[in-house]
C-alpha cells in the first residue's frame, strides 16, 4: 500500500475494521476472517502507531474467528475434568448432559459427596424432587457439612417448605 498520511490511513483501516467487526457480530465468521486477514496484510507496514494498533486488534479478532470456525474438542481425561465440564454444562442449562457426566463420576468415585450434591441440584432443576432428595441424602450421609450448604443453596430455596428436605438438613 502506498504511504498515505496518517489521517487517510487511519480512516481507511477504521472503515475496513468496522466492516469486519460487523461481519463478526453477525456471526459471518468466514467473511470476518477474510476481512481481518486483509486488514492485517494491507497495513502491516504502516509507519503510524494508531494504524498498527487497529491492525493488532484485527489480529485478536482473527484468533477469535478461528476459534469459532474450528472449536477445540476438550478431552475429559481426569475426574476433575469431568467434574468441571459437568458444572459448566449445569450452569449452561444443559442439565441432561451434566447428569450424564455426574453419573459417570459417581460410578468412578462413590466417595465424593460433591458429585451427589451437584446431582441433587440437577435433578431439582428438572423438577425431579424424589431423585434430588435421594442424592442430597447420599451427599449428607457422606459429609454432614452439606446440611449447611444445602440450606444456603439457592436452588433448594423452594424446598424449605418441604418436610423431607427439612428432615435431611436438620
N, C-alpha and C. Protein backbone atom coordinates (compact mmCIF):
# COMPACT_ATOMS: atom_id res chain seq x y z
N UNK A 1 0.85 -1.18 0.00
CA UNK A 1 0.00 0.00 0.00
C UNK A 1 0.89 1.23 0.00
N UNK A 2 0.58 2.16 -0.84
CA UNK A 2 1.34 3.39 -0.90
C UNK A 2 1.27 4.10 0.43
N UNK A 3 2.35 4.82 0.77
CA UNK A 3 2.39 5.52 2.05
C UNK A 3 1.39 6.66 2.02
N UNK A 4 0.41 6.58 2.88
CA UNK A 4 -0.61 7.62 3.00
C UNK A 4 -0.35 8.42 4.25
N UNK A 5 -0.95 9.56 4.33
CA UNK A 5 -0.85 10.31 5.56
C UNK A 5 -1.53 9.50 6.65
N UNK A 6 -1.17 9.77 7.88
CA UNK A 6 -1.74 9.01 9.00
C UNK A 6 -3.26 9.14 9.02
N UNK A 7 -3.76 10.32 8.76
CA UNK A 7 -5.21 10.54 8.80
C UNK A 7 -5.94 9.69 7.76
N UNK A 8 -5.42 9.67 6.53
CA UNK A 8 -6.05 8.88 5.47
C UNK A 8 -5.95 7.39 5.76
N UNK A 9 -4.78 6.97 6.22
CA UNK A 9 -4.56 5.56 6.52
C UNK A 9 -5.45 5.12 7.68
N UNK A 10 -5.57 5.96 8.69
CA UNK A 10 -6.41 5.65 9.84
C UNK A 10 -7.88 5.57 9.44
N UNK A 11 -8.30 6.46 8.56
CA UNK A 11 -9.69 6.45 8.09
C UNK A 11 -9.95 5.17 7.29
N UNK A 12 -9.01 4.77 6.46
CA UNK A 12 -9.18 3.58 5.62
C UNK A 12 -9.24 2.31 6.48
N UNK A 13 -8.33 2.18 7.44
CA UNK A 13 -8.31 0.97 8.26
C UNK A 13 -9.53 0.93 9.18
N UNK A 14 -9.95 2.07 9.68
CA UNK A 14 -11.11 2.12 10.57
C UNK A 14 -12.37 1.67 9.85
N UNK A 15 -12.54 2.12 8.63
CA UNK A 15 -13.72 1.72 7.84
C UNK A 15 -13.72 0.21 7.62
N UNK A 16 -12.57 -0.33 7.24
CA UNK A 16 -12.48 -1.77 6.98
C UNK A 16 -12.64 -2.58 8.26
N UNK A 17 -12.07 -2.07 9.35
CA UNK A 17 -12.17 -2.75 10.63
C UNK A 17 -13.64 -2.79 11.09
N UNK A 18 -14.35 -1.68 10.95
CA UNK A 18 -15.77 -1.63 11.32
C UNK A 18 -16.58 -2.64 10.53
N UNK A 19 -16.28 -2.76 9.23
CA UNK A 19 -16.99 -3.74 8.40
C UNK A 19 -16.69 -5.17 8.85
N UNK A 20 -15.44 -5.42 9.20
CA UNK A 20 -15.06 -6.76 9.66
C UNK A 20 -15.73 -7.09 11.00
N UNK A 21 -15.77 -6.12 11.90
CA UNK A 21 -16.42 -6.34 13.19
C UNK A 21 -17.92 -6.58 13.00
N UNK A 22 -18.51 -5.88 12.06
CA UNK A 22 -19.93 -6.09 11.75
C UNK A 22 -20.16 -7.53 11.29
N UNK A 23 -19.30 -8.01 10.42
CA UNK A 23 -19.41 -9.40 9.95
C UNK A 23 -19.25 -10.36 11.14
N UNK A 24 -18.32 -10.04 12.04
CA UNK A 24 -18.09 -10.87 13.22
C UNK A 24 -19.33 -10.91 14.11
N UNK A 25 -19.94 -9.76 14.37
CA UNK A 25 -21.12 -9.72 15.24
C UNK A 25 -22.33 -10.39 14.59
N UNK A 26 -22.36 -10.42 13.27
CA UNK A 26 -23.42 -11.15 12.56
C UNK A 26 -23.14 -12.65 12.53
N UNK A 27 -22.00 -13.03 13.08
CA UNK A 27 -21.54 -14.43 13.10
C UNK A 27 -21.24 -14.96 11.70
N UNK A 28 -20.90 -14.04 10.81
CA UNK A 28 -20.45 -14.43 9.48
C UNK A 28 -18.92 -14.56 9.56
N UNK A 29 -18.48 -15.65 10.18
CA UNK A 29 -17.08 -15.80 10.54
C UNK A 29 -16.17 -15.96 9.33
N UNK A 30 -16.65 -16.55 8.26
CA UNK A 30 -15.82 -16.69 7.06
C UNK A 30 -15.50 -15.32 6.47
N UNK A 31 -16.52 -14.47 6.34
CA UNK A 31 -16.30 -13.12 5.82
C UNK A 31 -15.42 -12.32 6.77
N UNK A 32 -15.68 -12.44 8.06
CA UNK A 32 -14.88 -11.70 9.04
C UNK A 32 -13.42 -12.14 8.97
N UNK A 33 -13.19 -13.44 8.82
CA UNK A 33 -11.82 -13.94 8.74
C UNK A 33 -11.10 -13.32 7.53
N UNK A 34 -11.77 -13.32 6.41
CA UNK A 34 -11.16 -12.75 5.20
C UNK A 34 -10.87 -11.26 5.39
N UNK A 35 -11.81 -10.53 5.96
CA UNK A 35 -11.62 -9.08 6.14
C UNK A 35 -10.51 -8.77 7.13
N UNK A 36 -10.46 -9.48 8.26
CA UNK A 36 -9.40 -9.23 9.24
C UNK A 36 -8.04 -9.59 8.67
N UNK A 37 -7.98 -10.68 7.91
CA UNK A 37 -6.71 -11.08 7.29
C UNK A 37 -6.24 -10.01 6.31
N UNK A 38 -7.15 -9.49 5.50
CA UNK A 38 -6.79 -8.44 4.54
C UNK A 38 -6.31 -7.17 5.25
N UNK A 39 -6.95 -6.83 6.35
CA UNK A 39 -6.52 -5.65 7.12
C UNK A 39 -5.09 -5.85 7.61
N UNK A 40 -4.84 -7.01 8.21
CA UNK A 40 -3.50 -7.29 8.75
C UNK A 40 -2.45 -7.23 7.65
N UNK A 41 -2.73 -7.84 6.51
CA UNK A 41 -1.77 -7.85 5.40
C UNK A 41 -1.58 -6.47 4.79
N UNK A 42 -2.68 -5.72 4.66
CA UNK A 42 -2.61 -4.42 3.99
C UNK A 42 -1.90 -3.35 4.82
N UNK A 43 -2.00 -3.46 6.14
CA UNK A 43 -1.49 -2.36 6.97
C UNK A 43 -0.31 -2.77 7.85
N UNK A 44 0.28 -3.93 7.60
CA UNK A 44 1.38 -4.38 8.47
C UNK A 44 2.62 -3.50 8.37
N UNK A 45 2.81 -2.78 7.25
CA UNK A 45 4.00 -1.95 7.08
C UNK A 45 3.74 -0.48 7.38
N UNK A 46 2.64 -0.20 8.03
CA UNK A 46 2.33 1.20 8.34
C UNK A 46 3.38 1.78 9.28
N UNK A 47 3.57 3.07 9.13
CA UNK A 47 4.53 3.78 9.99
C UNK A 47 3.81 4.45 11.16
N UNK A 48 2.52 4.27 11.25
CA UNK A 48 1.72 5.00 12.23
C UNK A 48 1.21 4.06 13.32
N UNK A 49 1.50 4.44 14.55
CA UNK A 49 1.11 3.63 15.69
C UNK A 49 -0.39 3.39 15.74
N UNK A 50 -1.17 4.41 15.50
CA UNK A 50 -2.64 4.28 15.59
C UNK A 50 -3.17 3.26 14.58
N UNK A 51 -2.56 3.21 13.43
CA UNK A 51 -2.96 2.25 12.40
C UNK A 51 -2.51 0.84 12.80
N UNK A 52 -1.30 0.73 13.29
CA UNK A 52 -0.78 -0.57 13.72
C UNK A 52 -1.58 -1.14 14.89
N UNK A 53 -2.08 -0.24 15.74
CA UNK A 53 -2.90 -0.69 16.87
C UNK A 53 -4.20 -1.34 16.37
N UNK A 54 -4.83 -0.75 15.39
CA UNK A 54 -6.06 -1.33 14.83
C UNK A 54 -5.74 -2.64 14.10
N UNK A 55 -4.61 -2.68 13.42
CA UNK A 55 -4.20 -3.92 12.75
C UNK A 55 -3.99 -5.02 13.79
N UNK A 56 -3.43 -4.67 14.95
CA UNK A 56 -3.24 -5.67 16.00
C UNK A 56 -4.58 -6.11 16.59
N UNK A 57 -5.52 -5.20 16.71
CA UNK A 57 -6.87 -5.59 17.16
C UNK A 57 -7.48 -6.58 16.17
N UNK A 58 -7.19 -6.37 14.89
CA UNK A 58 -7.66 -7.30 13.87
C UNK A 58 -7.09 -8.69 14.12
N UNK A 59 -5.85 -8.73 14.56
CA UNK A 59 -5.20 -10.00 14.89
C UNK A 59 -5.93 -10.71 16.03
N UNK A 60 -6.35 -9.96 17.04
CA UNK A 60 -7.09 -10.53 18.16
C UNK A 60 -8.42 -11.09 17.67
N UNK A 61 -9.12 -10.30 16.86
CA UNK A 61 -10.39 -10.77 16.31
C UNK A 61 -10.19 -11.99 15.43
N UNK A 62 -9.10 -12.00 14.68
CA UNK A 62 -8.83 -13.15 13.81
C UNK A 62 -8.68 -14.43 14.63
N UNK A 63 -8.02 -14.35 15.78
CA UNK A 63 -7.89 -15.52 16.65
C UNK A 63 -9.26 -15.96 17.18
N UNK A 64 -10.14 -14.99 17.50
CA UNK A 64 -11.49 -15.33 17.97
C UNK A 64 -12.30 -15.98 16.85
N UNK A 65 -12.14 -15.46 15.63
CA UNK A 65 -12.83 -16.04 14.47
C UNK A 65 -12.37 -17.47 14.26
N UNK A 66 -11.07 -17.68 14.31
CA UNK A 66 -10.54 -19.03 14.11
C UNK A 66 -11.05 -19.99 15.18
N UNK A 67 -11.18 -19.50 16.40
CA UNK A 67 -11.72 -20.34 17.48
C UNK A 67 -13.18 -20.71 17.19
N UNK A 68 -13.93 -19.80 16.58
CA UNK A 68 -15.32 -20.09 16.24
C UNK A 68 -15.42 -21.05 15.06
N UNK A 69 -14.52 -20.90 14.11
CA UNK A 69 -14.57 -21.75 12.92
C UNK A 69 -14.05 -23.16 13.18
N UNK A 70 -13.13 -23.30 14.11
CA UNK A 70 -12.57 -24.62 14.43
C UNK A 70 -12.53 -24.80 15.94
N UNK A 71 -13.70 -25.02 16.55
CA UNK A 71 -13.72 -25.20 18.01
C UNK A 71 -12.93 -26.43 18.42
N UNK A 72 -12.25 -26.32 19.55
CA UNK A 72 -11.44 -27.43 20.02
C UNK A 72 -12.30 -28.37 20.84
N UNK A 73 -12.07 -29.63 20.64
CA UNK A 73 -12.75 -30.66 21.41
C UNK A 73 -11.95 -30.86 22.69
N UNK A 74 -12.62 -30.73 23.80
CA UNK A 74 -11.95 -30.90 25.08
C UNK A 74 -12.01 -32.37 25.46
N UNK A 75 -10.86 -32.92 25.76
CA UNK A 75 -10.81 -34.31 26.19
C UNK A 75 -10.93 -34.35 27.70
N UNK A 76 -11.88 -35.11 28.16
CA UNK A 76 -12.09 -35.25 29.59
C UNK A 76 -11.29 -36.45 30.08
N UNK A 77 -10.08 -36.16 30.57
CA UNK A 77 -9.16 -37.23 30.94
C UNK A 77 -9.25 -37.60 32.41
N UNK A 78 -9.43 -36.62 33.25
CA UNK A 78 -9.41 -36.89 34.69
C UNK A 78 -10.80 -36.68 35.29
N UNK A 79 -10.95 -37.14 36.51
CA UNK A 79 -12.21 -36.93 37.23
C UNK A 79 -12.48 -35.44 37.39
N UNK A 80 -11.43 -34.69 37.61
CA UNK A 80 -11.59 -33.23 37.75
C UNK A 80 -12.08 -32.60 36.45
N UNK A 81 -11.57 -33.08 35.32
CA UNK A 81 -12.03 -32.59 34.02
C UNK A 81 -13.53 -32.86 33.85
N UNK A 82 -13.94 -34.07 34.20
CA UNK A 82 -15.35 -34.45 34.06
C UNK A 82 -16.21 -33.61 35.00
N UNK A 83 -15.74 -33.42 36.22
CA UNK A 83 -16.48 -32.61 37.19
C UNK A 83 -16.64 -31.18 36.69
N UNK A 84 -15.56 -30.58 36.24
CA UNK A 84 -15.62 -29.19 35.75
C UNK A 84 -16.53 -29.06 34.54
N UNK A 85 -16.47 -30.02 33.64
CA UNK A 85 -17.34 -29.99 32.47
C UNK A 85 -18.80 -30.15 32.89
N UNK A 86 -19.04 -31.02 33.86
CA UNK A 86 -20.40 -31.20 34.37
C UNK A 86 -20.95 -29.92 34.98
N UNK A 87 -20.13 -29.24 35.76
CA UNK A 87 -20.56 -27.96 36.37
C UNK A 87 -20.83 -26.94 35.27
N UNK A 88 -19.95 -26.91 34.27
CA UNK A 88 -20.16 -25.99 33.14
C UNK A 88 -21.49 -26.28 32.45
N UNK A 89 -21.75 -27.55 32.17
CA UNK A 89 -22.99 -27.93 31.48
C UNK A 89 -24.21 -27.59 32.35
N UNK A 90 -24.11 -27.82 33.64
CA UNK A 90 -25.20 -27.50 34.56
C UNK A 90 -25.47 -26.00 34.54
N UNK A 91 -24.41 -25.20 34.62
CA UNK A 91 -24.57 -23.75 34.61
C UNK A 91 -25.07 -23.23 33.27
N UNK A 92 -24.77 -23.96 32.20
CA UNK A 92 -25.22 -23.56 30.87
C UNK A 92 -26.65 -24.02 30.59
N UNK A 93 -27.24 -24.73 31.55
CA UNK A 93 -28.62 -25.17 31.39
C UNK A 93 -28.78 -26.48 30.65
N UNK A 94 -27.66 -27.15 30.38
CA UNK A 94 -27.73 -28.45 29.71
C UNK A 94 -27.71 -29.54 30.79
N UNK A 95 -28.84 -29.66 31.45
CA UNK A 95 -28.95 -30.49 32.64
C UNK A 95 -28.75 -31.97 32.33
N UNK A 96 -29.33 -32.45 31.24
CA UNK A 96 -29.18 -33.86 30.90
C UNK A 96 -27.72 -34.22 30.68
N UNK A 97 -27.00 -33.35 29.98
CA UNK A 97 -25.56 -33.62 29.76
C UNK A 97 -24.80 -33.58 31.08
N UNK A 98 -25.14 -32.63 31.94
CA UNK A 98 -24.49 -32.54 33.24
C UNK A 98 -24.74 -33.83 34.04
N UNK A 99 -25.97 -34.32 34.01
CA UNK A 99 -26.29 -35.55 34.73
C UNK A 99 -25.52 -36.75 34.19
N UNK A 100 -25.34 -36.80 32.87
CA UNK A 100 -24.54 -37.89 32.29
C UNK A 100 -23.12 -37.87 32.87
N UNK A 101 -22.54 -36.68 32.92
CA UNK A 101 -21.17 -36.55 33.42
C UNK A 101 -21.10 -36.86 34.92
N UNK A 102 -22.06 -36.36 35.69
CA UNK A 102 -22.06 -36.63 37.12
C UNK A 102 -22.28 -38.12 37.41
N UNK A 103 -23.11 -38.76 36.60
CA UNK A 103 -23.36 -40.20 36.77
C UNK A 103 -22.07 -40.98 36.51
N UNK A 104 -21.37 -40.59 35.46
CA UNK A 104 -20.08 -41.22 35.15
C UNK A 104 -19.12 -41.06 36.32
N UNK A 105 -19.09 -39.87 36.89
CA UNK A 105 -18.21 -39.62 38.04
C UNK A 105 -18.61 -40.45 39.25
N UNK A 106 -19.90 -40.54 39.51
CA UNK A 106 -20.33 -41.28 40.69
C UNK A 106 -20.01 -42.77 40.57
N UNK A 107 -19.97 -43.27 39.35
CA UNK A 107 -19.57 -44.67 39.15
C UNK A 107 -18.09 -44.86 39.46
N UNK A 108 -17.30 -43.85 39.13
CA UNK A 108 -15.86 -43.95 39.32
C UNK A 108 -15.44 -43.68 40.77
N UNK A 109 -16.15 -42.76 41.41
CA UNK A 109 -15.76 -42.37 42.76
C UNK A 109 -17.01 -42.12 43.60
N UNK A 110 -17.43 -43.15 44.28
CA UNK A 110 -18.65 -43.03 45.07
C UNK A 110 -18.41 -42.28 46.37
N UNK A 111 -17.16 -41.92 46.65
CA UNK A 111 -16.84 -41.25 47.91
C UNK A 111 -17.07 -39.74 47.88
N UNK A 112 -17.21 -39.16 46.71
CA UNK A 112 -17.25 -37.71 46.60
C UNK A 112 -18.67 -37.17 46.84
N UNK A 113 -18.92 -36.54 47.98
CA UNK A 113 -20.26 -36.03 48.26
C UNK A 113 -20.66 -34.87 47.33
N UNK A 114 -19.65 -34.15 46.83
CA UNK A 114 -19.93 -33.01 45.95
C UNK A 114 -20.66 -33.45 44.68
N UNK A 115 -20.31 -34.62 44.17
CA UNK A 115 -20.97 -35.13 42.96
C UNK A 115 -22.45 -35.38 43.25
N UNK A 116 -22.75 -35.99 44.40
CA UNK A 116 -24.15 -36.19 44.77
C UNK A 116 -24.87 -34.86 44.96
N UNK A 117 -24.18 -33.90 45.54
CA UNK A 117 -24.77 -32.58 45.73
C UNK A 117 -25.14 -31.95 44.39
N UNK A 118 -24.22 -32.04 43.44
CA UNK A 118 -24.48 -31.49 42.10
C UNK A 118 -25.61 -32.24 41.40
N UNK A 119 -25.66 -33.55 41.60
CA UNK A 119 -26.74 -34.33 41.01
C UNK A 119 -28.08 -33.92 41.64
N UNK A 120 -28.07 -33.64 42.93
CA UNK A 120 -29.30 -33.19 43.59
C UNK A 120 -29.76 -31.86 42.98
N UNK A 121 -28.83 -30.96 42.75
CA UNK A 121 -29.18 -29.68 42.11
C UNK A 121 -29.75 -29.92 40.72
N UNK A 122 -29.07 -30.77 39.95
CA UNK A 122 -29.52 -31.03 38.57
C UNK A 122 -30.93 -31.63 38.57
N UNK A 123 -31.16 -32.61 39.42
CA UNK A 123 -32.50 -33.21 39.47
C UNK A 123 -33.54 -32.20 39.95
N UNK A 124 -33.17 -31.33 40.86
CA UNK A 124 -34.10 -30.30 41.32
C UNK A 124 -34.46 -29.38 40.15
N UNK A 125 -33.47 -29.03 39.34
CA UNK A 125 -33.74 -28.17 38.18
C UNK A 125 -34.62 -28.86 37.14
N UNK A 126 -34.62 -30.20 37.15
CA UNK A 126 -35.50 -30.95 36.25
C UNK A 126 -36.86 -31.22 36.91
N UNK A 127 -37.05 -30.66 38.10
CA UNK A 127 -38.29 -30.86 38.87
C UNK A 127 -38.50 -32.32 39.26
N UNK A 128 -37.41 -33.05 39.42
CA UNK A 128 -37.47 -34.43 39.88
C UNK A 128 -37.09 -34.43 41.36
N UNK A 129 -38.06 -34.09 42.20
CA UNK A 129 -37.82 -33.92 43.62
C UNK A 129 -37.35 -35.20 44.29
N UNK A 130 -37.92 -36.33 43.90
CA UNK A 130 -37.55 -37.60 44.52
C UNK A 130 -36.06 -37.90 44.33
N UNK A 131 -35.57 -37.77 43.09
CA UNK A 131 -34.15 -38.03 42.82
C UNK A 131 -33.27 -36.96 43.47
N UNK A 132 -33.73 -35.73 43.46
CA UNK A 132 -32.95 -34.66 44.09
C UNK A 132 -32.74 -34.95 45.57
N UNK A 133 -33.80 -35.33 46.27
CA UNK A 133 -33.69 -35.61 47.69
C UNK A 133 -32.87 -36.87 47.96
N UNK A 134 -32.97 -37.87 47.08
CA UNK A 134 -32.18 -39.10 47.24
C UNK A 134 -30.69 -38.79 47.14
N UNK A 135 -30.31 -37.97 46.17
CA UNK A 135 -28.88 -37.63 46.03
C UNK A 135 -28.42 -36.71 47.15
N UNK A 136 -29.28 -35.83 47.58
CA UNK A 136 -28.91 -34.96 48.69
C UNK A 136 -28.71 -35.80 49.96
N UNK A 137 -29.55 -36.78 50.16
CA UNK A 137 -29.41 -37.67 51.31
C UNK A 137 -28.07 -38.40 51.26
N UNK A 138 -27.72 -38.97 50.09
CA UNK A 138 -26.43 -39.66 49.95
C UNK A 138 -25.27 -38.71 50.22
N UNK A 139 -25.40 -37.49 49.73
CA UNK A 139 -24.37 -36.49 49.93
C UNK A 139 -24.16 -36.21 51.42
N UNK A 140 -25.25 -35.98 52.12
CA UNK A 140 -25.18 -35.65 53.54
C UNK A 140 -24.70 -36.85 54.36
N UNK A 141 -25.05 -38.05 53.96
CA UNK A 141 -24.55 -39.25 54.65
C UNK A 141 -23.04 -39.35 54.54
N UNK A 142 -22.47 -38.88 53.44
CA UNK A 142 -21.02 -38.92 53.24
C UNK A 142 -20.32 -37.78 53.98
N UNK A 143 -21.01 -36.62 54.07
CA UNK A 143 -20.41 -35.45 54.72
C UNK A 143 -21.53 -34.55 55.21
N UNK A 144 -21.72 -34.55 56.53
CA UNK A 144 -22.87 -33.80 57.06
C UNK A 144 -22.69 -32.28 57.02
N UNK A 145 -21.53 -31.80 56.61
CA UNK A 145 -21.35 -30.35 56.40
C UNK A 145 -22.25 -29.84 55.27
N UNK A 146 -22.66 -30.76 54.42
CA UNK A 146 -23.53 -30.37 53.30
C UNK A 146 -24.93 -29.98 53.76
N UNK A 147 -25.26 -30.24 55.03
CA UNK A 147 -26.55 -29.78 55.55
C UNK A 147 -26.61 -28.25 55.48
N UNK A 148 -25.55 -27.61 55.92
CA UNK A 148 -25.49 -26.15 55.90
C UNK A 148 -25.42 -25.63 54.47
N UNK A 149 -24.64 -26.29 53.66
CA UNK A 149 -24.50 -25.88 52.26
C UNK A 149 -25.84 -26.00 51.54
N UNK A 150 -26.54 -27.11 51.77
CA UNK A 150 -27.84 -27.31 51.14
C UNK A 150 -28.85 -26.26 51.61
N UNK A 151 -28.80 -25.94 52.90
CA UNK A 151 -29.72 -24.93 53.45
C UNK A 151 -29.52 -23.59 52.75
N UNK A 152 -28.28 -23.27 52.41
CA UNK A 152 -27.95 -21.98 51.80
C UNK A 152 -27.95 -22.00 50.27
N UNK A 153 -28.19 -23.15 49.67
CA UNK A 153 -28.17 -23.28 48.21
C UNK A 153 -29.43 -22.67 47.61
N UNK A 154 -29.28 -21.66 46.74
CA UNK A 154 -30.45 -21.02 46.11
C UNK A 154 -31.35 -22.00 45.35
N UNK A 155 -30.76 -23.02 44.74
CA UNK A 155 -31.57 -23.99 44.01
C UNK A 155 -32.53 -24.77 44.92
N UNK A 156 -32.20 -24.84 46.19
CA UNK A 156 -33.04 -25.59 47.13
C UNK A 156 -33.97 -24.69 47.95
N UNK A 157 -33.97 -23.41 47.66
CA UNK A 157 -34.77 -22.47 48.45
C UNK A 157 -36.24 -22.87 48.51
N UNK A 158 -36.78 -23.30 47.38
CA UNK A 158 -38.20 -23.68 47.36
C UNK A 158 -38.47 -24.96 48.17
N UNK A 159 -37.42 -25.69 48.49
CA UNK A 159 -37.60 -26.93 49.27
C UNK A 159 -37.69 -26.67 50.77
N UNK A 160 -37.44 -25.43 51.17
CA UNK A 160 -37.50 -25.12 52.59
C UNK A 160 -38.89 -25.34 53.17
N UNK A 161 -39.88 -25.47 52.32
CA UNK A 161 -41.25 -25.73 52.76
C UNK A 161 -41.56 -27.23 52.81
N UNK A 162 -40.65 -28.04 52.32
CA UNK A 162 -40.88 -29.48 52.24
C UNK A 162 -40.33 -30.18 53.49
N UNK A 163 -41.14 -30.98 54.09
CA UNK A 163 -40.75 -31.70 55.32
C UNK A 163 -39.54 -32.60 55.06
N UNK A 164 -39.54 -33.29 53.90
CA UNK A 164 -38.44 -34.22 53.59
C UNK A 164 -37.09 -33.49 53.55
N UNK A 165 -37.10 -32.30 52.99
CA UNK A 165 -35.87 -31.51 52.90
C UNK A 165 -35.43 -31.05 54.29
N UNK A 166 -36.36 -30.54 55.06
CA UNK A 166 -36.03 -30.05 56.41
C UNK A 166 -35.47 -31.20 57.25
N UNK A 167 -36.06 -32.38 57.13
CA UNK A 167 -35.57 -33.54 57.88
C UNK A 167 -34.13 -33.88 57.49
N UNK A 168 -33.79 -33.73 56.20
CA UNK A 168 -32.43 -34.03 55.74
C UNK A 168 -31.40 -33.05 56.29
N UNK A 169 -31.75 -31.78 56.33
CA UNK A 169 -30.75 -30.77 56.69
C UNK A 169 -30.74 -30.43 58.19
N UNK A 170 -31.65 -31.01 58.95
CA UNK A 170 -31.64 -30.67 60.38
C UNK A 170 -30.97 -31.73 61.22
